[in-house]
Amino acid sequence: MTEKKLYLILQSVMCILLVVLLAVSAVSIYREGKAQKAEDPMASIYSREKTAEKFKPIEPLFFGAIGLTVAGWILGVKDENIDKPVNDVELVRNLTAARVSQPGEAMTAERKKQKKLFWSGWGLFALCMVPIGLYLADGGHFPENNLEEMIRSLALHVFPWIFLGLTCLLVFSVLREKSMERETAAAREQIKAEKEAGIRTETKHQQHTGYAKGKHMLQIIVAVAAAFFIILGVWNGSAKAVHTKAANICTECVGLG
């Protein structure tokens, strides 16, 4: 392991640890301030003194991370692969397959497997979104007088399903990439065999639209999901609650109207 790589790993670990500690401190300040406010309604949840008290144990790590970052910037330490193009497995597969005169059985089988993996991953993701939709459709899960309880219940019933759905997408995406690598290897073997047999192979001018189609489909799914959640929000009364709170902020806090 080179010194540069060790430096980059250390810097990453320090930054991640710093973010986690800051998040824990913020939650701790809120919980303690909320408990104090329950006893004294005039007390402030957040204050400069509370923030300084929680930040003091993290201060050495904070300035250490900043110093390490500045030192790396001055010394010119950076990831050697940052300027290199990303290794796109699908693009490599398409370019290699384009040199084959006719796809073989192994290539065809892997291509079919990739389609099954793609639709299976998104199908499981869609199934994981069903309980979320049912939960959000029930307006009783969003009480106006207890925001903390609503957020806690929302996190308990929504976040696990989101995490499970994203995990399914990640697993099936990795399996699909492995299948693409096997198809690429089969295509290279076939190209080698065709050259030995004297078959002239030319690169076909094909449009590599796999990535574009996947991106377009993702945009459509996000748009449909956004419209679905907007409709749910209007249905369960959240839109009216948001409008009421916004009006109260403008008239009471800002002073408009």
Protein backbone atom coordinates (compact mmCIF):
# COMPACT_ATOMS: atom_id res chain seq x y z
CA MET A 1 0.00 0.00 0.00
CA THR A 2 1.46 3.36 -1.07
CA GLU A 3 1.71 6.40 1.20
CA LYS A 4 -0.77 8.32 -0.95
CA LYS A 5 -3.36 5.56 -0.71
CA LEU A 6 -2.86 5.32 3.06
CA TYR A 7 -3.33 9.09 3.32
CA LEU A 8 -6.55 9.00 1.30
CA ILE A 9 -7.95 6.14 3.41
CA LEU A 10 -7.09 7.97 6.64
CA GLN A 11 -8.66 11.18 5.36
CA SER A 12 -11.84 9.38 4.34
CA VAL A 13 -12.14 7.59 7.70
CA MET A 14 -11.64 10.86 9.61
CA CYS A 15 -14.26 12.68 7.52
CA ILE A 16 -16.83 9.88 7.92
CA LEU A 17 -16.19 9.67 11.66
CA LEU A 18 -16.50 13.45 11.96
CA VAL A 19 -19.85 13.47 10.16
CA VAL A 20 -21.19 10.67 12.39
CA LEU A 21 -20.07 12.40 15.59
CA LEU A 22 -21.55 15.73 14.50
CA ALA A 23 -24.86 14.04 13.70
CA VAL A 24 -24.90 12.28 17.08
CA SER A 25 -24.11 15.57 18.83
CA ALA A 26 -26.93 17.36 16.99
CA VAL A 27 -29.43 14.67 18.01
CA SER A 28 -28.15 14.77 21.59
CA ILE A 29 -28.57 18.56 21.74
CA TYR A 30 -32.13 18.26 20.46
CA ARG A 31 -33.13 15.51 22.89
CA GLU A 32 -31.66 17.28 25.92
CA GLY A 33 -33.12 20.60 24.82
CA LYS A 34 -36.54 19.04 24.27
CA ALA A 35 -36.48 17.51 27.75
CA GLN A 36 -35.45 20.85 29.27
CA LYS A 37 -38.14 22.67 27.33
CA ALA A 38 -40.77 20.27 28.71
CA GLU A 39 -39.82 21.44 32.22
CA ASP A 40 -39.32 25.09 31.27
CA PRO A 41 -41.34 26.21 28.21
CA MET A 42 -39.23 29.38 27.93
CA ALA A 43 -35.98 27.43 27.59
CA SER A 44 -34.28 27.21 24.20
CA ILE A 45 -33.61 23.84 22.60
CA TYR A 46 -30.52 25.11 20.78
CA SER A 47 -28.06 27.59 22.23
CA ARG A 48 -24.46 28.62 21.68
CA GLU A 49 -23.43 27.18 25.06
CA LYS A 50 -24.96 23.76 24.38
CA THR A 51 -23.39 23.62 20.94
CA ALA A 52 -19.95 24.56 22.29
CA GLU A 53 -20.27 21.94 25.03
CA LYS A 54 -21.06 19.16 22.57
CA PHE A 55 -18.48 20.32 20.04
CA LYS A 56 -15.58 20.44 22.50
CA PRO A 57 -14.87 16.64 22.52
CA ILE A 58 -15.00 16.61 18.70
CA GLU A 59 -12.80 19.68 18.26
CA PRO A 60 -9.44 17.82 17.94
CA LEU A 61 -10.85 15.51 15.27
CA PHE A 62 -12.42 18.46 13.43
CA PHE A 63 -9.22 20.51 13.22
CA GLY A 64 -7.21 17.33 12.54
CA ALA A 65 -9.38 16.54 9.51
CA ILE A 66 -9.07 20.11 8.25
CA GLY A 67 -5.28 20.08 8.75
CA LEU A 68 -4.97 16.75 6.96
CA THR A 69 -7.03 18.04 4.04
CA VAL A 70 -4.98 21.24 3.76
CA ALA A 71 -1.71 19.29 3.94
CA GLY A 72 -2.84 16.97 1.18
CA TRP A 73 -3.88 19.94 -0.96
CA ILE A 74 -0.50 21.64 -0.48
CA LEU A 75 1.46 18.44 -1.19
CA GLY A 76 -0.72 17.65 -4.20
CA VAL A 77 -1.91 14.28 -2.90
CA LYS A 78 -4.90 13.01 -4.86
CA ASP A 79 -6.43 9.83 -6.18
CA GLU A 80 -4.44 8.67 -9.22
CA ASN A 81 -7.60 7.27 -10.83
CA ILE A 82 -9.61 10.49 -10.51
CA ASP A 83 -8.90 11.58 -14.10
CA LYS A 84 -9.30 8.13 -15.61
CA PRO A 85 -12.57 7.23 -17.34
CA VAL A 86 -15.04 5.17 -15.38
CA ASN A 87 -14.99 1.48 -16.23
CA ASP A 88 -18.48 1.06 -17.67
CA VAL A 89 -19.15 -2.68 -17.78
CA GLU A 90 -22.16 -2.28 -20.06
CA LEU A 91 -20.25 -0.11 -22.53
CA VAL A 92 -17.35 -2.60 -22.67
CA ARG A 93 -19.87 -5.41 -23.23
CA ASN A 94 -21.54 -3.52 -26.09
CA LEU A 95 -18.27 -2.62 -27.81
CA THR A 96 -16.98 -6.18 -27.54
CA ALA A 97 -20.25 -7.76 -28.68
CA ALA A 98 -20.31 -5.43 -31.69
CA ARG A 99 -17.19 -7.17 -33.05
CA VAL A 100 -18.87 -10.58 -33.13
CA SER A 101 -20.32 -11.69 -36.46
CA GLN A 102 -23.17 -13.57 -34.77
CA PRO A 103 -23.85 -13.84 -31.00
CA GLY A 104 -23.18 -17.32 -29.67
CA GLU A 105 -25.31 -19.37 -27.32
CA ALA A 106 -23.38 -18.26 -24.23
CA MET A 107 -23.78 -14.60 -25.15
CA THR A 108 -27.49 -15.00 -25.86
CA ALA A 109 -28.07 -16.86 -22.59
CA GLU A 110 -26.29 -14.16 -20.58
CA ARG A 111 -28.25 -11.41 -22.33
CA LYS A 112 -31.54 -13.10 -21.41
CA LYS A 113 -30.32 -13.51 -17.83
CA GLN A 114 -29.52 -9.80 -17.66
CA LYS A 115 -33.04 -8.86 -18.69
CA LYS A 116 -34.50 -11.16 -16.03
CA LEU A 117 -32.20 -9.69 -13.37
CA PHE A 118 -33.10 -6.14 -14.42
CA TRP A 119 -36.86 -6.65 -14.20
CA SER A 120 -36.60 -8.80 -11.06
CA GLY A 121 -34.67 -6.06 -9.25
CA TRP A 122 -37.11 -3.33 -10.19
CA GLY A 123 -40.07 -5.63 -9.47
CA LEU A 124 -38.87 -6.29 -5.93
CA PHE A 125 -38.21 -2.57 -5.48
CA ALA A 126 -41.79 -1.80 -6.57
CA LEU A 127 -43.13 -4.39 -4.11
CA CYS A 128 -41.17 -2.73 -1.31
CA MET A 129 -42.81 0.59 -2.20
CA VAL A 130 -46.33 -0.82 -1.75
CA PRO A 131 -46.29 -0.81 2.11
CA ILE A 132 -44.91 2.74 1.98
CA GLY A 133 -47.76 3.86 -0.25
CA LEU A 134 -50.35 2.22 2.01
CA TYR A 135 -48.84 3.88 5.09
CA LEU A 136 -48.71 7.33 3.47
CA ALA A 137 -52.28 6.99 2.21
CA ASP A 138 -53.61 6.81 5.77
CA GLY A 139 -54.00 10.35 7.08
CA GLY A 140 -54.23 9.07 10.65
CA HIS A 141 -50.47 8.50 10.62
CA PHE A 142 -49.83 12.25 10.42
CA PRO A 143 -51.08 13.93 13.62
CA GLU A 144 -50.69 17.70 13.58
CA ASN A 145 -50.00 18.05 17.30
CA ASN A 146 -47.08 15.62 17.67
CA LEU A 147 -44.41 16.15 15.04
CA GLU A 148 -41.73 14.09 16.81
CA GLU A 149 -43.97 11.05 17.14
CA MET A 150 -45.01 11.36 13.50
CA ILE A 151 -41.38 11.46 12.32
CA ARG A 152 -40.47 8.50 14.55
CA SER A 153 -43.39 6.45 13.22
CA LEU A 154 -42.60 7.48 9.65
CA ALA A 155 -38.98 6.40 10.02
CA LEU A 156 -40.03 3.10 11.57
CA HIS A 157 -42.54 2.21 8.84
CA VAL A 158 -40.93 3.77 5.74
CA PHE A 159 -37.13 3.71 6.04
CA PRO A 160 -36.77 -0.09 6.41
CA TRP A 161 -38.76 -0.67 3.23
CA ILE A 162 -36.73 1.95 1.35
CA PHE A 163 -33.51 0.34 2.56
CA LEU A 164 -34.76 -3.12 1.54
CA GLY A 165 -35.82 -1.88 -1.89
CA LEU A 166 -32.48 -0.18 -2.56
CA THR A 167 -30.67 -3.30 -1.35
CA CYS A 168 -32.60 -5.41 -3.87
CA LEU A 169 -31.67 -3.00 -6.65
CA LEU A 170 -28.02 -3.06 -5.60
CA VAL A 171 -27.83 -6.87 -5.39
CA PHE A 172 -29.51 -7.44 -8.75
CA SER A 173 -27.40 -4.70 -10.34
CA VAL A 174 -24.21 -6.42 -9.16
CA LEU A 175 -25.46 -9.77 -10.46
CA ARG A 176 -26.32 -8.14 -13.78
CA GLU A 177 -22.84 -6.65 -14.09
CA LYS A 178 -21.31 -10.06 -13.37
CA SER A 179 -23.45 -11.50 -16.16
CA MET A 180 -22.25 -8.73 -18.49
CA GLU A 181 -18.64 -9.59 -17.65
CA ARG A 182 -19.31 -13.25 -18.51
CA GLU A 183 -20.93 -12.19 -21.78
CA THR A 184 -17.91 -10.00 -22.58
CA ALA A 185 -15.55 -12.91 -21.88
CA ALA A 186 -17.65 -15.19 -24.13
CA ALA A 187 -17.61 -12.54 -26.87
CA ARG A 188 -13.82 -12.28 -26.70
CA GLU A 189 -13.46 -16.04 -26.96
CA GLN A 190 -15.76 -16.04 -29.96
CA ILE A 191 -13.80 -13.20 -31.59
CA LYS A 192 -10.59 -15.19 -31.09
CA ALA A 193 -12.18 -18.31 -32.58
CA GLU A 194 -13.50 -16.35 -35.57
CA LYS A 195 -10.06 -14.90 -36.26
CA GLU A 196 -8.49 -18.37 -36.16
CA ALA A 197 -11.16 -19.62 -38.56
CA GLY A 198 -10.42 -16.76 -40.94
CA ILE A 199 -13.75 -15.03 -40.42
CA ARG A 200 -13.36 -11.30 -40.85
CA THR A 201 -15.02 -9.41 -38.06
CA GLU A 202 -15.87 -5.74 -38.32
CA THR A 203 -17.20 -3.51 -35.63
CA LYS A 204 -20.89 -2.96 -36.18
CA HIS A 205 -22.09 0.60 -36.01
CA GLN A 206 -24.73 0.13 -33.36
CA GLN A 207 -26.15 2.61 -30.95
CA HIS A 208 -25.29 1.72 -27.40
CA THR A 209 -28.56 2.79 -25.94
CA GLY A 210 -28.66 0.50 -22.92
CA TYR A 211 -27.47 3.17 -20.52
CA ALA A 212 -29.68 5.83 -22.12
CA LYS A 213 -32.74 3.59 -21.92
CA GLY A 214 -32.03 2.76 -18.28
CA LYS A 215 -31.58 6.45 -17.46
CA HIS A 216 -34.78 7.36 -19.30
CA MET A 217 -36.71 4.64 -17.49
CA LEU A 218 -35.35 5.82 -14.14
CA GLN A 219 -36.52 9.36 -14.91
CA ILE A 220 -39.99 8.07 -15.75
CA ILE A 221 -40.14 6.02 -12.53
CA VAL A 222 -39.06 9.01 -10.43
CA ALA A 223 -41.62 11.25 -12.12
CA VAL A 224 -44.41 8.71 -11.60
CA ALA A 225 -43.39 8.21 -7.95
CA ALA A 226 -43.35 12.00 -7.40
CA ALA A 227 -46.84 12.36 -8.89
CA PHE A 228 -48.05 9.38 -6.83
CA PHE A 229 -46.81 10.86 -3.55
CA ILE A 230 -48.24 14.30 -4.41
CA ILE A 231 -51.65 12.71 -4.96
CA LEU A 232 -51.32 10.80 -1.69
CA GLY A 233 -50.41 14.01 0.12
CA VAL A 234 -53.50 15.76 -1.21
CA TRP A 235 -55.65 12.72 -0.43
CA ASN A 236 -54.61 12.33 3.22
CA GLY A 237 -54.91 16.05 3.95
CA SER A 238 -51.19 16.85 4.13
CA ALA A 239 -51.47 19.53 1.44
CA LYS A 240 -54.00 21.46 3.51
CA ALA A 241 -51.84 21.13 6.63
CA VAL A 242 -48.77 22.40 4.75
CA HIS A 243 -50.75 25.35 3.37
CA THR A 244 -52.07 26.22 6.84
CA LYS A 245 -48.60 26.08 8.41
CA ALA A 246 -47.11 28.14 5.59
CA ALA A 247 -49.83 30.77 6.01
CA ASN A 248 -49.23 30.88 9.76
CA ILE A 249 -45.48 31.34 9.24
CA CYS A 250 -46.07 34.23 6.83
CA THR A 251 -48.65 36.00 9.02
CA GLU A 252 -47.20 35.32 12.48
CA CYS A 253 -43.41 35.02 12.05
CA VAL A 254 -42.50 36.99 8.96
CA GLY A 255 -45.26 39.52 9.35
CA LEU A 256 -46.66 39.38 5.84
CA GLY A 257 -50.34 39.89 5.18
